[in-house]
Amino acid sequence: MGYKYYKMSDSYFKQEDLKKFGDITEFQEELGKKFFDYYGSVFEEGALTKREKCLIALAVAHTIQCPYCIDAYSSGSLTNGADEEQMMEAVHVAAAISSGATLVNSVQMMNHVKKQLM
């Protein structure tokens, strides 16, 4: 079993691989099925609408930078009634939270610097 080397022009992300998501049960059927049962339950209508859940998933997808999730939840958001403005607003919420999380940790750096300079 050797390694396959890729050229720089090759893309690690292959859009057609999203259709293979169901194949994750191939190497571990029991856990894969449990995951899909859970996953399906999470996205059922509940206290949040399917549209709201898709918008949350779209925001999270951008935060974790998963191209497969971005594709899936861009489509899911549209299918469940979200429009482009709502989708972009969800992405901006994710960006603000990510930026805020980075910046709030600067307090640790400032505390450390203040101790060093005292």
PDB file of N, CA and C in Angstrom:
ATOM      1  N   MET A   1       0.848  -1.177   0.000  1.00  0.00           N
ATOM      2  CA  MET A   1       0.000   0.000   0.000  1.00  0.00           C
ATOM      3  C   MET A   1       0.891   1.237   0.000  1.00  0.00           C
ATOM      4  N   GLY A   2       0.928   1.911  -1.098  1.00  0.00           N
ATOM      5  CA  GLY A   2       1.779   3.086  -1.200  1.00  0.00           C
ATOM      6  C   GLY A   2       0.988   4.372  -1.107  1.00  0.00           C
ATOM      7  N   TYR A   3       1.709   5.444  -1.018  1.00  0.00           N
ATOM      8  CA  TYR A   3       1.092   6.758  -0.960  1.00  0.00           C
ATOM      9  C   TYR A   3       0.855   7.267  -2.371  1.00  0.00           C
ATOM     10  N   LYS A   4      -0.236   7.973  -2.530  1.00  0.00           N
ATOM     11  CA  LYS A   4      -0.497   8.613  -3.810  1.00  0.00           C
ATOM     12  C   LYS A   4      -0.143  10.082  -3.663  1.00  0.00           C
ATOM     13  N   TYR A   5       0.696  10.559  -4.523  1.00  0.00           N
ATOM     14  CA  TYR A   5       1.092  11.959  -4.466  1.00  0.00           C
ATOM     15  C   TYR A   5       0.223  12.767  -5.417  1.00  0.00           C
ATOM     16  N   TYR A   6      -0.151  13.935  -4.973  1.00  0.00           N
ATOM     17  CA  TYR A   6      -1.010  14.801  -5.751  1.00  0.00           C
ATOM     18  C   TYR A   6      -0.232  15.998  -6.255  1.00  0.00           C
ATOM     19  N   LYS A   7      -0.605  16.449  -7.434  1.00  0.00           N
ATOM     20  CA  LYS A   7      -0.024  17.674  -7.964  1.00  0.00           C
ATOM     21  C   LYS A   7      -0.689  18.859  -7.271  1.00  0.00           C
ATOM     22  N   MET A   8      -0.026  19.986  -7.260  1.00  0.00           N
ATOM     23  CA  MET A   8      -0.592  21.191  -6.645  1.00  0.00           C
ATOM     24  C   MET A   8      -1.918  21.576  -7.306  1.00  0.00           C
ATOM     25  N   SER A   9      -2.102  21.212  -8.566  1.00  0.00           N
ATOM     26  CA  SER A   9      -3.333  21.565  -9.260  1.00  0.00           C
ATOM     27  C   SER A   9      -4.503  20.667  -8.866  1.00  0.00           C
ATOM     28  N   ASP A  10      -4.208  19.536  -8.198  1.00  0.00           N
ATOM     29  CA  ASP A  10      -5.273  18.651  -7.732  1.00  0.00           C
ATOM     30  C   ASP A  10      -5.959  19.281  -6.525  1.00  0.00           C
ATOM     31  N   SER A  11      -7.234  19.075  -6.439  1.00  0.00           N
ATOM     32  CA  SER A  11      -7.986  19.598  -5.300  1.00  0.00           C
ATOM     33  C   SER A  11      -8.270  18.476  -4.326  1.00  0.00           C
ATOM     34  N   TYR A  12      -8.020  18.740  -3.061  1.00  0.00           N
ATOM     35  CA  TYR A  12      -8.334  17.768  -2.022  1.00  0.00           C
ATOM     36  C   TYR A  12      -9.845  17.627  -1.892  1.00  0.00           C
ATOM     37  N   PHE A  13     -10.534  18.744  -2.027  1.00  0.00           N
ATOM     38  CA  PHE A  13     -12.001  18.774  -1.975  1.00  0.00           C
ATOM     39  C   PHE A  13     -12.552  18.382  -3.339  1.00  0.00           C
ATOM     40  N   LYS A  14     -13.351  17.350  -3.364  1.00  0.00           N
ATOM     41  CA  LYS A  14     -14.008  16.928  -4.601  1.00  0.00           C
ATOM     42  C   LYS A  14     -15.513  16.973  -4.346  1.00  0.00           C
ATOM     43  N   GLN A  15     -16.196  17.845  -5.026  1.00  0.00           N
ATOM     44  CA  GLN A  15     -17.615  18.075  -4.788  1.00  0.00           C
ATOM     45  C   GLN A  15     -18.418  16.781  -4.857  1.00  0.00           C
ATOM     46  N   GLU A  16     -18.043  15.890  -5.737  1.00  0.00           N
ATOM     47  CA  GLU A  16     -18.784  14.633  -5.877  1.00  0.00           C
ATOM     48  C   GLU A  16     -18.644  13.738  -4.639  1.00  0.00           C
ATOM     49  N   ASP A  17     -17.624  13.981  -3.812  1.00  0.00           N
ATOM     50  CA  ASP A  17     -17.455  13.180  -2.600  1.00  0.00           C
ATOM     51  C   ASP A  17     -18.561  13.417  -1.578  1.00  0.00           C
ATOM     52  N   LEU A  18     -19.213  14.559  -1.635  1.00  0.00           N
ATOM     53  CA  LEU A  18     -20.319  14.827  -0.714  1.00  0.00           C
ATOM     54  C   LEU A  18     -21.403  13.758  -0.857  1.00  0.00           C
ATOM     55  N   LYS A  19     -21.604  13.271  -2.073  1.00  0.00           N
ATOM     56  CA  LYS A  19     -22.605  12.227  -2.314  1.00  0.00           C
ATOM     57  C   LYS A  19     -22.206  10.899  -1.664  1.00  0.00           C
ATOM     58  N   LYS A  20     -20.958  10.763  -1.268  1.00  0.00           N
ATOM     59  CA  LYS A  20     -20.466   9.536  -0.656  1.00  0.00           C
ATOM     60  C   LYS A  20     -20.558   9.564   0.869  1.00  0.00           C
ATOM     61  N   PHE A  21     -21.138  10.618   1.428  1.00  0.00           N
ATOM     62  CA  PHE A  21     -21.218  10.766   2.881  1.00  0.00           C
ATOM     63  C   PHE A  21     -21.861   9.542   3.521  1.00  0.00           C
ATOM     64  N   GLY A  22     -22.878   9.000   2.887  1.00  0.00           N
ATOM     65  CA  GLY A  22     -23.544   7.812   3.410  1.00  0.00           C
ATOM     66  C   GLY A  22     -22.638   6.604   3.502  1.00  0.00           C
ATOM     67  N   ASP A  23     -21.523   6.632   2.794  1.00  0.00           N
ATOM     68  CA  ASP A  23     -20.585   5.507   2.788  1.00  0.00           C
ATOM     69  C   ASP A  23     -19.759   5.412   4.060  1.00  0.00           C
ATOM     70  N   ILE A  24     -19.909   6.369   4.971  1.00  0.00           N
ATOM     71  CA  ILE A  24     -19.097   6.312   6.192  1.00  0.00           C
ATOM     72  C   ILE A  24     -19.428   5.084   7.038  1.00  0.00           C
ATOM     73  N   THR A  25     -20.523   4.434   6.742  1.00  0.00           N
ATOM     74  CA  THR A  25     -20.867   3.203   7.467  1.00  0.00           C
ATOM     75  C   THR A  25     -20.055   2.002   6.975  1.00  0.00           C
ATOM     76  N   GLU A  26     -19.358   2.155   5.860  1.00  0.00           N
ATOM     77  CA  GLU A  26     -18.656   1.032   5.232  1.00  0.00           C
ATOM     78  C   GLU A  26     -17.636   0.372   6.162  1.00  0.00           C
ATOM     79  N   PHE A  27     -16.859   1.137   6.876  1.00  0.00           N
ATOM     80  CA  PHE A  27     -15.813   0.563   7.725  1.00  0.00           C
ATOM     81  C   PHE A  27     -16.281   0.333   9.158  1.00  0.00           C
ATOM     82  N   GLN A  28     -17.426   0.903   9.534  1.00  0.00           N
ATOM     83  CA  GLN A  28     -17.934   0.741  10.898  1.00  0.00           C
ATOM     84  C   GLN A  28     -19.443   0.966  10.846  1.00  0.00           C
ATOM     85  N   GLU A  29     -20.149  -0.079  10.424  1.00  0.00           N
ATOM     86  CA  GLU A  29     -21.584   0.031  10.153  1.00  0.00           C
ATOM     87  C   GLU A  29     -22.397   0.433  11.378  1.00  0.00           C
ATOM     88  N   GLU A  30     -22.162  -0.191  12.508  1.00  0.00           N
ATOM     89  CA  GLU A  30     -22.974   0.068  13.698  1.00  0.00           C
ATOM     90  C   GLU A  30     -22.887   1.538  14.128  1.00  0.00           C
ATOM     91  N   LEU A  31     -21.667   2.054  14.243  1.00  0.00           N
ATOM     92  CA  LEU A  31     -21.504   3.444  14.672  1.00  0.00           C
ATOM     93  C   LEU A  31     -21.971   4.416  13.600  1.00  0.00           C
ATOM     94  N   GLY A  32     -21.748   4.077  12.339  1.00  0.00           N
ATOM     95  CA  GLY A  32     -22.223   4.924  11.245  1.00  0.00           C
ATOM     96  C   GLY A  32     -23.739   5.067  11.270  1.00  0.00           C
ATOM     97  N   LYS A  33     -24.435   3.954  11.470  1.00  0.00           N
ATOM     98  CA  LYS A  33     -25.898   3.999  11.538  1.00  0.00           C
ATOM     99  C   LYS A  33     -26.367   4.810  12.742  1.00  0.00           C
ATOM    100  N   LYS A  34     -25.701   4.648  13.878  1.00  0.00           N
ATOM    101  CA  LYS A  34     -26.062   5.426  15.064  1.00  0.00           C
ATOM    102  C   LYS A  34     -25.869   6.918  14.800  1.00  0.00           C
ATOM    103  N   PHE A  35     -24.777   7.262  14.115  1.00  0.00           N
ATOM    104  CA  PHE A  35     -24.545   8.662  13.776  1.00  0.00           C
ATOM    105  C   PHE A  35     -25.669   9.195  12.901  1.00  0.00           C
ATOM    106  N   PHE A  36     -26.033   8.454  11.851  1.00  0.00           N
ATOM    107  CA  PHE A  36     -27.071   8.938  10.943  1.00  0.00           C
ATOM    108  C   PHE A  36     -28.438   9.018  11.621  1.00  0.00           C
ATOM    109  N   ASP A  37     -28.718   8.122  12.551  1.00  0.00           N
ATOM    110  CA  ASP A  37     -29.964   8.227  13.328  1.00  0.00           C
ATOM    111  C   ASP A  37     -29.973   9.525  14.128  1.00  0.00           C
ATOM    112  N   TYR A  38     -28.861   9.786  14.812  1.00  0.00           N
ATOM    113  CA  TYR A  38     -28.731  11.010  15.598  1.00  0.00           C
ATOM    114  C   TYR A  38     -28.810  12.240  14.701  1.00  0.00           C
ATOM    115  N   TYR A  39     -28.044  12.223  13.625  1.00  0.00           N
ATOM    116  CA  TYR A  39     -27.977  13.344  12.681  1.00  0.00           C
ATOM    117  C   TYR A  39     -29.363  13.659  12.133  1.00  0.00           C
ATOM    118  N   GLY A  40     -30.091  12.629  11.747  1.00  0.00           N
ATOM    119  CA  GLY A  40     -31.445  12.820  11.235  1.00  0.00           C
ATOM    120  C   GLY A  40     -32.373  13.414  12.281  1.00  0.00           C
ATOM    121  N   SER A  41     -32.258  12.940  13.508  1.00  0.00           N
ATOM    122  CA  SER A  41     -33.091  13.466  14.597  1.00  0.00           C
ATOM    123  C   SER A  41     -32.796  14.931  14.869  1.00  0.00           C
ATOM    124  N   VAL A  42     -31.528  15.293  14.831  1.00  0.00           N
ATOM    125  CA  VAL A  42     -31.136  16.681  15.096  1.00  0.00           C
ATOM    126  C   VAL A  42     -31.794  17.633  14.100  1.00  0.00           C
ATOM    127  N   PHE A  43     -31.897  17.228  12.851  1.00  0.00           N
ATOM    128  CA  PHE A  43     -32.409  18.127  11.822  1.00  0.00           C
ATOM    129  C   PHE A  43     -33.917  18.039  11.608  1.00  0.00           C
ATOM    130  N   GLU A  44     -34.601  17.255  12.436  1.00  0.00           N
ATOM    131  CA  GLU A  44     -36.064  17.249  12.371  1.00  0.00           C
ATOM    132  C   GLU A  44     -36.602  18.550  12.948  1.00  0.00           C
ATOM    133  N   GLU A  45     -37.781  18.929  12.481  1.00  0.00           N
ATOM    134  CA  GLU A  45     -38.453  20.109  13.010  1.00  0.00           C
ATOM    135  C   GLU A  45     -38.652  19.936  14.504  1.00  0.00           C
ATOM    136  N   GLY A  46     -38.366  20.933  15.272  1.00  0.00           N
ATOM    137  CA  GLY A  46     -38.528  20.888  16.727  1.00  0.00           C
ATOM    138  C   GLY A  46     -38.757  22.296  17.235  1.00  0.00           C
ATOM    139  N   ALA A  47     -38.077  22.663  18.302  1.00  0.00           N
ATOM    140  CA  ALA A  47     -38.163  24.032  18.805  1.00  0.00           C
ATOM    141  C   ALA A  47     -37.629  25.005  17.765  1.00  0.00           C
ATOM    142  N   LEU A  48     -36.712  24.524  16.927  1.00  0.00           N
ATOM    143  CA  LEU A  48     -36.209  25.315  15.803  1.00  0.00           C
ATOM    144  C   LEU A  48     -36.768  24.734  14.507  1.00  0.00           C
ATOM    145  N   THR A  49     -37.007  25.600  13.557  1.00  0.00           N
ATOM    146  CA  THR A  49     -37.468  25.140  12.243  1.00  0.00           C
ATOM    147  C   THR A  49     -36.299  24.519  11.484  1.00  0.00           C
ATOM    148  N   LYS A  50     -36.608  23.766  10.441  1.00  0.00           N
ATOM    149  CA  LYS A  50     -35.556  23.207   9.597  1.00  0.00           C
ATOM    150  C   LYS A  50     -34.729  24.325   8.968  1.00  0.00           C
ATOM    151  N   ARG A  51     -35.380  25.427   8.610  1.00  0.00           N
ATOM    152  CA  ARG A  51     -34.676  26.573   8.027  1.00  0.00           C
ATOM    153  C   ARG A  51     -33.662  27.130   9.026  1.00  0.00           C
ATOM    154  N   GLU A  52     -34.101  27.307  10.264  1.00  0.00           N
ATOM    155  CA  GLU A  52     -33.204  27.837  11.291  1.00  0.00           C
ATOM    156  C   GLU A  52     -32.031  26.894  11.541  1.00  0.00           C
ATOM    157  N   LYS A  53     -32.312  25.601  11.573  1.00  0.00           N
ATOM    158  CA  LYS A  53     -31.247  24.622  11.792  1.00  0.00           C
ATOM    159  C   LYS A  53     -30.248  24.628  10.637  1.00  0.00           C
ATOM    160  N   CYS A  54     -30.741  24.762   9.417  1.00  0.00           N
ATOM    161  CA  CYS A  54     -29.840  24.823   8.257  1.00  0.00           C
ATOM    162  C   CYS A  54     -28.978  26.083   8.293  1.00  0.00           C
ATOM    163  N   LEU A  55     -29.560  27.198   8.724  1.00  0.00           N
ATOM    164  CA  LEU A  55     -28.779  28.436   8.829  1.00  0.00           C
ATOM    165  C   LEU A  55     -27.699  28.318   9.910  1.00  0.00           C
ATOM    166  N   ILE A  56     -28.039  27.679  11.017  1.00  0.00           N
ATOM    167  CA  ILE A  56     -27.035  27.440  12.069  1.00  0.00           C
ATOM    168  C   ILE A  56     -25.928  26.546  11.509  1.00  0.00           C
ATOM    169  N   ALA A  57     -26.327  25.476  10.843  1.00  0.00           N
ATOM    170  CA  ALA A  57     -25.345  24.550  10.268  1.00  0.00           C
ATOM    171  C   ALA A  57     -24.466  25.259   9.238  1.00  0.00           C
ATOM    172  N   LEU A  58     -25.044  26.145   8.449  1.00  0.00           N
ATOM    173  CA  LEU A  58     -24.276  26.903   7.462  1.00  0.00           C
ATOM    174  C   LEU A  58     -23.242  27.786   8.151  1.00  0.00           C
ATOM    175  N   ALA A  59     -23.644  28.442   9.235  1.00  0.00           N
ATOM    176  CA  ALA A  59     -22.709  29.289   9.976  1.00  0.00           C
ATOM    177  C   ALA A  59     -21.585  28.451  10.576  1.00  0.00           C
ATOM    178  N   VAL A  60     -21.933  27.328  11.184  1.00  0.00           N
ATOM    179  CA  VAL A  60     -20.919  26.445  11.773  1.00  0.00           C
ATOM    180  C   VAL A  60     -19.997  25.912  10.679  1.00  0.00           C
ATOM    181  N   ALA A  61     -20.559  25.556   9.533  1.00  0.00           N
ATOM    182  CA  ALA A  61     -19.758  25.037   8.422  1.00  0.00           C
ATOM    183  C   ALA A  61     -18.675  26.026   8.014  1.00  0.00           C
ATOM    184  N   HIS A  62     -19.022  27.308   8.010  1.00  0.00           N
ATOM    185  CA  HIS A  62     -18.022  28.320   7.681  1.00  0.00           C
ATOM    186  C   HIS A  62     -16.974  28.450   8.788  1.00  0.00           C
ATOM    187  N   THR A  63     -17.416  28.331  10.021  1.00  0.00           N
ATOM    188  CA  THR A  63     -16.493  28.448  11.145  1.00  0.00           C
ATOM    189  C   THR A  63     -15.482  27.313  11.143  1.00  0.00           C
ATOM    190  N   ILE A  64     -15.936  26.092  10.872  1.00  0.00           N
ATOM    191  CA  ILE A  64     -15.015  24.951  10.855  1.00  0.00           C
ATOM    192  C   ILE A  64     -14.392  24.751   9.476  1.00  0.00           C
ATOM    193  N   GLN A  65     -14.799  25.577   8.520  1.00  0.00           N
ATOM    194  CA  GLN A  65     -14.247  25.597   7.162  1.00  0.00           C
ATOM    195  C   GLN A  65     -14.347  24.240   6.469  1.00  0.00           C
ATOM    196  N   CYS A  66     -15.549  23.671   6.508  1.00  0.00           N
ATOM    197  CA  CYS A  66     -15.805  22.387   5.843  1.00  0.00           C
ATOM    198  C   CYS A  66     -16.495  22.651   4.504  1.00  0.00           C
ATOM    199  N   PRO A  67     -15.795  22.480   3.387  1.00  0.00           N
ATOM    200  CA  PRO A  67     -16.416  22.772   2.091  1.00  0.00           C
ATOM    201  C   PRO A  67     -17.615  21.872   1.789  1.00  0.00           C
ATOM    202  N   TYR A  68     -17.579  20.637   2.273  1.00  0.00           N
ATOM    203  CA  TYR A  68     -18.707  19.739   2.046  1.00  0.00           C
ATOM    204  C   TYR A  68     -19.944  20.258   2.780  1.00  0.00           C
ATOM    205  N   CYS A  69     -19.746  20.685   4.018  1.00  0.00           N
ATOM    206  CA  CYS A  69     -20.851  21.213   4.825  1.00  0.00           C
ATOM    207  C   CYS A  69     -21.374  22.524   4.245  1.00  0.00           C
ATOM    208  N   ILE A  70     -20.471  23.361   3.750  1.00  0.00           N
ATOM    209  CA  ILE A  70     -20.886  24.627   3.142  1.00  0.00           C
ATOM    210  C   ILE A  70     -21.789  24.347   1.946  1.00  0.00           C
ATOM    211  N   ASP A  71     -21.386  23.403   1.101  1.00  0.00           N
ATOM    212  CA  ASP A  71     -22.230  23.036  -0.049  1.00  0.00           C
ATOM    213  C   ASP A  71     -23.581  22.482   0.417  1.00  0.00           C
ATOM    214  N   ALA A  72     -23.530  21.543   1.354  1.00  0.00           N
ATOM    215  CA  ALA A  72     -24.755  20.881   1.799  1.00  0.00           C
ATOM    216  C   ALA A  72     -25.720  21.869   2.444  1.00  0.00           C
ATOM    217  N   TYR A  73     -25.216  22.748   3.295  1.00  0.00           N
ATOM    218  CA  TYR A  73     -26.121  23.639   4.026  1.00  0.00           C
ATOM    219  C   TYR A  73     -26.429  24.927   3.282  1.00  0.00           C
ATOM    220  N   SER A  74     -25.684  25.243   2.226  1.00  0.00           N
ATOM    221  CA  SER A  74     -26.127  26.295   1.305  1.00  0.00           C
ATOM    222  C   SER A  74     -27.375  25.794   0.585  1.00  0.00           C
ATOM    223  N   SER A  75     -27.292  24.574   0.073  1.00  0.00           N
ATOM    224  CA  SER A  75     -28.449  23.968  -0.598  1.00  0.00           C
ATOM    225  C   SER A  75     -29.598  23.757   0.375  1.00  0.00           C
ATOM    226  N   GLY A  76     -29.296  23.218   1.558  1.00  0.00           N
ATOM    227  CA  GLY A  76     -30.331  22.969   2.562  1.00  0.00           C
ATOM    228  C   GLY A  76     -31.033  24.234   3.006  1.00  0.00           C
ATOM    229  N   SER A  77     -30.276  25.300   3.171  1.00  0.00           N
ATOM    230  CA  SER A  77     -30.876  26.578   3.571  1.00  0.00           C
ATOM    231  C   SER A  77     -31.841  27.069   2.504  1.00  0.00           C
ATOM    232  N   LEU A  78     -31.417  27.013   1.249  1.00  0.00           N
ATOM    233  CA  LEU A  78     -32.302  27.436   0.156  1.00  0.00           C
ATOM    234  C   LEU A  78     -33.550  26.561   0.084  1.00  0.00           C
ATOM    235  N   THR A  79     -33.354  25.244   0.161  1.00  0.00           N
ATOM    236  CA  THR A  79     -34.468  24.301   0.084  1.00  0.00           C
ATOM    237  C   THR A  79     -35.485  24.536   1.193  1.00  0.00           C
ATOM    238  N   ASN A  80     -34.990  24.955   2.361  1.00  0.00           N
ATOM    239  CA  ASN A  80     -35.872  25.145   3.512  1.00  0.00           C
ATOM    240  C   ASN A  80     -36.328  26.589   3.696  1.00  0.00           C
ATOM    241  N   GLY A  81     -36.190  27.402   2.642  1.00  0.00           N
ATOM    242  CA  GLY A  81     -36.817  28.723   2.635  1.00  0.00           C
ATOM    243  C   GLY A  81     -35.961  29.903   3.005  1.00  0.00           C
ATOM    244  N   ALA A  82     -34.668  29.707   3.224  1.00  0.00           N
ATOM    245  CA  ALA A  82     -33.804  30.854   3.516  1.00  0.00           C
ATOM    246  C   ALA A  82     -33.447  31.554   2.212  1.00  0.00           C
ATOM    247  N   ASP A  83     -33.190  32.844   2.315  1.00  0.00           N
ATOM    248  CA  ASP A  83     -32.746  33.575   1.127  1.00  0.00           C
ATOM    249  C   ASP A  83     -31.271  33.946   1.282  1.00  0.00           C
ATOM    250  N   GLU A  84     -30.712  34.531   0.226  1.00  0.00           N
ATOM    251  CA  GLU A  84     -29.281  34.836   0.205  1.00  0.00           C
ATOM    252  C   GLU A  84     -28.889  35.792   1.329  1.00  0.00           C
ATOM    253  N   GLU A  85     -29.741  36.771   1.615  1.00  0.00           N
ATOM    254  CA  GLU A  85     -29.426  37.736   2.664  1.00  0.00           C
ATOM    255  C   GLU A  85     -29.353  37.059   4.036  1.00  0.00           C
ATOM    256  N   GLN A  86     -30.295  36.172   4.315  1.00  0.00           N
ATOM    257  CA  GLN A  86     -30.282  35.447   5.593  1.00  0.00           C
ATOM    258  C   GLN A  86     -29.054  34.555   5.700  1.00  0.00           C
ATOM    259  N   MET A  87     -28.712  33.913   4.588  1.00  0.00           N
ATOM    260  CA  MET A  87     -27.554  33.027   4.597  1.00  0.00           C
ATOM    261  C   MET A  87     -26.271  33.808   4.867  1.00  0.00           C
ATOM    262  N   MET A  88     -26.112  34.957   4.205  1.00  0.00           N
ATOM    263  CA  MET A  88     -24.903  35.754   4.412  1.00  0.00           C
ATOM    264  C   MET A  88     -24.880  36.338   5.819  1.00  0.00           C
ATOM    265  N   GLU A  89     -26.038  36.697   6.341  1.00  0.00           N
ATOM    266  CA  GLU A  89     -26.091  37.206   7.712  1.00  0.00           C
ATOM    267  C   GLU A  89     -25.654  36.121   8.702  1.00  0.00           C
ATOM    268  N   ALA A  90     -26.073  34.888   8.464  1.00  0.00           N
ATOM    269  CA  ALA A  90     -25.654  33.776   9.327  1.00  0.00           C
ATOM    270  C   ALA A  90     -24.134  33.612   9.279  1.00  0.00           C
ATOM    271  N   VAL A  91     -23.552  33.746   8.095  1.00  0.00           N
ATOM    272  CA  VAL A  91     -22.098  33.638   7.955  1.00  0.00           C
ATOM    273  C   VAL A  91     -21.407  34.783   8.696  1.00  0.00           C
ATOM    274  N   HIS A  92     -21.988  35.976   8.629  1.00  0.00           N
ATOM    275  CA  HIS A  92     -21.409  37.112   9.357  1.00  0.00           C
ATOM    276  C   HIS A  92     -21.494  36.900  10.874  1.00  0.00           C
ATOM    277  N   VAL A  93     -22.570  36.301  11.342  1.00  0.00           N
ATOM    278  CA  VAL A  93     -22.666  35.977  12.776  1.00  0.00           C
ATOM    279  C   VAL A  93     -21.522  35.033  13.151  1.00  0.00           C
ATOM    280  N   ALA A  94     -21.300  34.012  12.331  1.00  0.00           N
ATOM    281  CA  ALA A  94     -20.208  33.064  12.593  1.00  0.00           C
ATOM    282  C   ALA A  94     -18.865  33.777  12.592  1.00  0.00           C
ATOM    283  N   ALA A  95     -18.660  34.688  11.635  1.00  0.00           N
ATOM    284  CA  ALA A  95     -17.394  35.418  11.558  1.00  0.00           C
ATOM    285  C   ALA A  95     -17.194  36.303  12.788  1.00  0.00           C
ATOM    286  N   ALA A  96     -18.264  36.936  13.237  1.00  0.00           N
ATOM    287  CA  ALA A  96     -18.167  37.803  14.421  1.00  0.00           C
ATOM    288  C   ALA A  96     -17.820  36.993  15.666  1.00  0.00           C
ATOM    289  N   ILE A  97     -18.461  35.845  15.817  1.00  0.00           N
ATOM    290  CA  ILE A  97     -18.177  34.999  16.985  1.00  0.00           C
ATOM    291  C   ILE A  97     -16.741  34.475  16.917  1.00  0.00           C
ATOM    292  N   SER A  98     -16.304  34.034  15.751  1.00  0.00           N
ATOM    293  CA  SER A  98     -14.925  33.551  15.600  1.00  0.00           C
ATOM    294  C   SER A  98     -13.924  34.653  15.913  1.00  0.00           C
ATOM    295  N   SER A  99     -14.170  35.842  15.389  1.00  0.00           N
ATOM    296  CA  SER A  99     -13.274  36.973  15.656  1.00  0.00           C
ATOM    297  C   SER A  99     -13.288  37.332  17.125  1.00  0.00           C
ATOM    298  N   GLY A 100     -14.467  37.364  17.706  1.00  0.00           N
ATOM    299  CA  GLY A 100     -14.579  37.684  19.124  1.00  0.00           C
ATOM    300  C   GLY A 100     -13.859  36.680  19.997  1.00  0.00           C
ATOM    301  N   ALA A 101     -13.957  35.399  19.637  1.00  0.00           N
ATOM    302  CA  ALA A 101     -13.276  34.355  20.407  1.00  0.00           C
ATOM    303  C   ALA A 101     -11.764  34.530  20.333  1.00  0.00           C
ATOM    304  N   THR A 102     -11.263  34.922  19.185  1.00  0.00           N
ATOM    305  CA  THR A 102      -9.835  35.192  19.051  1.00  0.00           C
ATOM    306  C   THR A 102      -9.438  36.386  19.898  1.00  0.00           C
ATOM    307  N   LEU A 103     -10.213  37.458  19.795  1.00  0.00           N
ATOM    308  CA  LEU A 103      -9.872  38.687  20.502  1.00  0.00           C
ATOM    309  C   LEU A 103     -10.024  38.573  22.006  1.00  0.00           C
ATOM    310  N   VAL A 104     -11.032  37.855  22.485  1.00  0.00           N
ATOM    311  CA  VAL A 104     -11.216  37.743  23.930  1.00  0.00           C
ATOM    312  C   VAL A 104     -10.031  37.020  24.569  1.00  0.00           C
ATOM    313  N   ASN A 105      -9.394  36.143  23.815  1.00  0.00           N
ATOM    314  CA  ASN A 105      -8.212  35.462  24.338  1.00  0.00           C
ATOM    315  C   ASN A 105      -7.014  36.394  24.450  1.00  0.00           C
ATOM    316  N   SER A 106      -7.093  37.574  23.845  1.00  0.00           N
ATOM    317  CA  SER A 106      -6.004  38.541  23.998  1.00  0.00           C
ATOM    318  C   SER A 106      -5.908  39.033  25.434  1.00  0.00           C
ATOM    319  N   VAL A 107      -6.979  38.883  26.206  1.00  0.00           N
ATOM    320  CA  VAL A 107      -6.938  39.251  27.623  1.00  0.00           C
ATOM    321  C   VAL A 107      -5.866  38.432  28.338  1.00  0.00           C
ATOM    322  N   GLN A 108      -5.770  37.157  27.982  1.00  0.00           N
ATOM    323  CA  GLN A 108      -4.728  36.301  28.566  1.00  0.00           C
ATOM    324  C   GLN A 108      -3.354  36.858  28.232  1.00  0.00           C
ATOM    325  N   MET A 109      -3.149  37.240  26.979  1.00  0.00           N
ATOM    326  CA  MET A 109      -1.866  37.807  26.561  1.00  0.00           C
ATOM    327  C   MET A 109      -1.601  39.106  27.313  1.00  0.00           C
ATOM    328  N   MET A 110      -2.591  39.968  27.433  1.00  0.00           N
ATOM    329  CA  MET A 110      -2.407  41.244  28.116  1.00  0.00           C
ATOM    330  C   MET A 110      -2.079  41.025  29.587  1.00  0.00           C
ATOM    331  N   ASN A 111      -2.773  40.075  30.225  1.00  0.00           N
ATOM    332  CA  ASN A 111      -2.474  39.758  31.627  1.00  0.00           C
ATOM    333  C   ASN A 111      -1.033  39.287  31.775  1.00  0.00           C
ATOM    334  N   HIS A 112      -0.607  38.430  30.863  1.00  0.00           N
ATOM    335  CA  HIS A 112       0.760  37.895  30.917  1.00  0.00           C
ATOM    336  C   HIS A 112       1.781  39.030  30.721  1.00  0.00           C
ATOM    337  N   VAL A 113       1.554  39.876  29.756  1.00  0.00           N
ATOM    338  CA  VAL A 113       2.469  40.985  29.484  1.00  0.00           C
ATOM    339  C   VAL A 113       2.537  41.931  30.681  1.00  0.00           C
ATOM    340  N   LYS A 114       1.399  42.253  31.263  1.00  0.00           N
ATOM    341  CA  LYS A 114       1.374  43.152  32.432  1.00  0.00           C
ATOM    342  C   LYS A 114       2.173  42.565  33.590  1.00  0.00           C
ATOM    343  N   LYS A 115       2.070  41.253  33.815  1.00  0.00           N
ATOM    344  CA  LYS A 115       2.843  40.601  34.877  1.00  0.00           C
ATOM    345  C   LYS A 115       4.345  40.707  34.588  1.00  0.00           C
ATOM    346  N   GLN A 116       4.709  40.501  33.330  1.00  0.00           N
ATOM    347  CA  GLN A 116       6.115  40.538  32.938  1.00  0.00           C
ATOM    348  C   GLN A 116       6.711  41.941  33.091  1.00  0.00           C
ATOM    349  N   LEU A 117       5.890  42.942  32.860  1.00  0.00           N
ATOM    350  CA  LEU A 117       6.379  44.325  32.906  1.00  0.00           C
ATOM    351  C   LEU A 117       6.338  44.933  34.294  1.00  0.00           C
ATOM    352  N   MET A 118       5.729  44.253  35.249  1.00  0.00           N
ATOM    353  CA  MET A 118       5.639  44.793  36.608  1.00  0.00           C
ATOM    354  C   MET A 118       6.934  44.650  37.342  1.00  0.00           C
TER     355      MET A 118
END
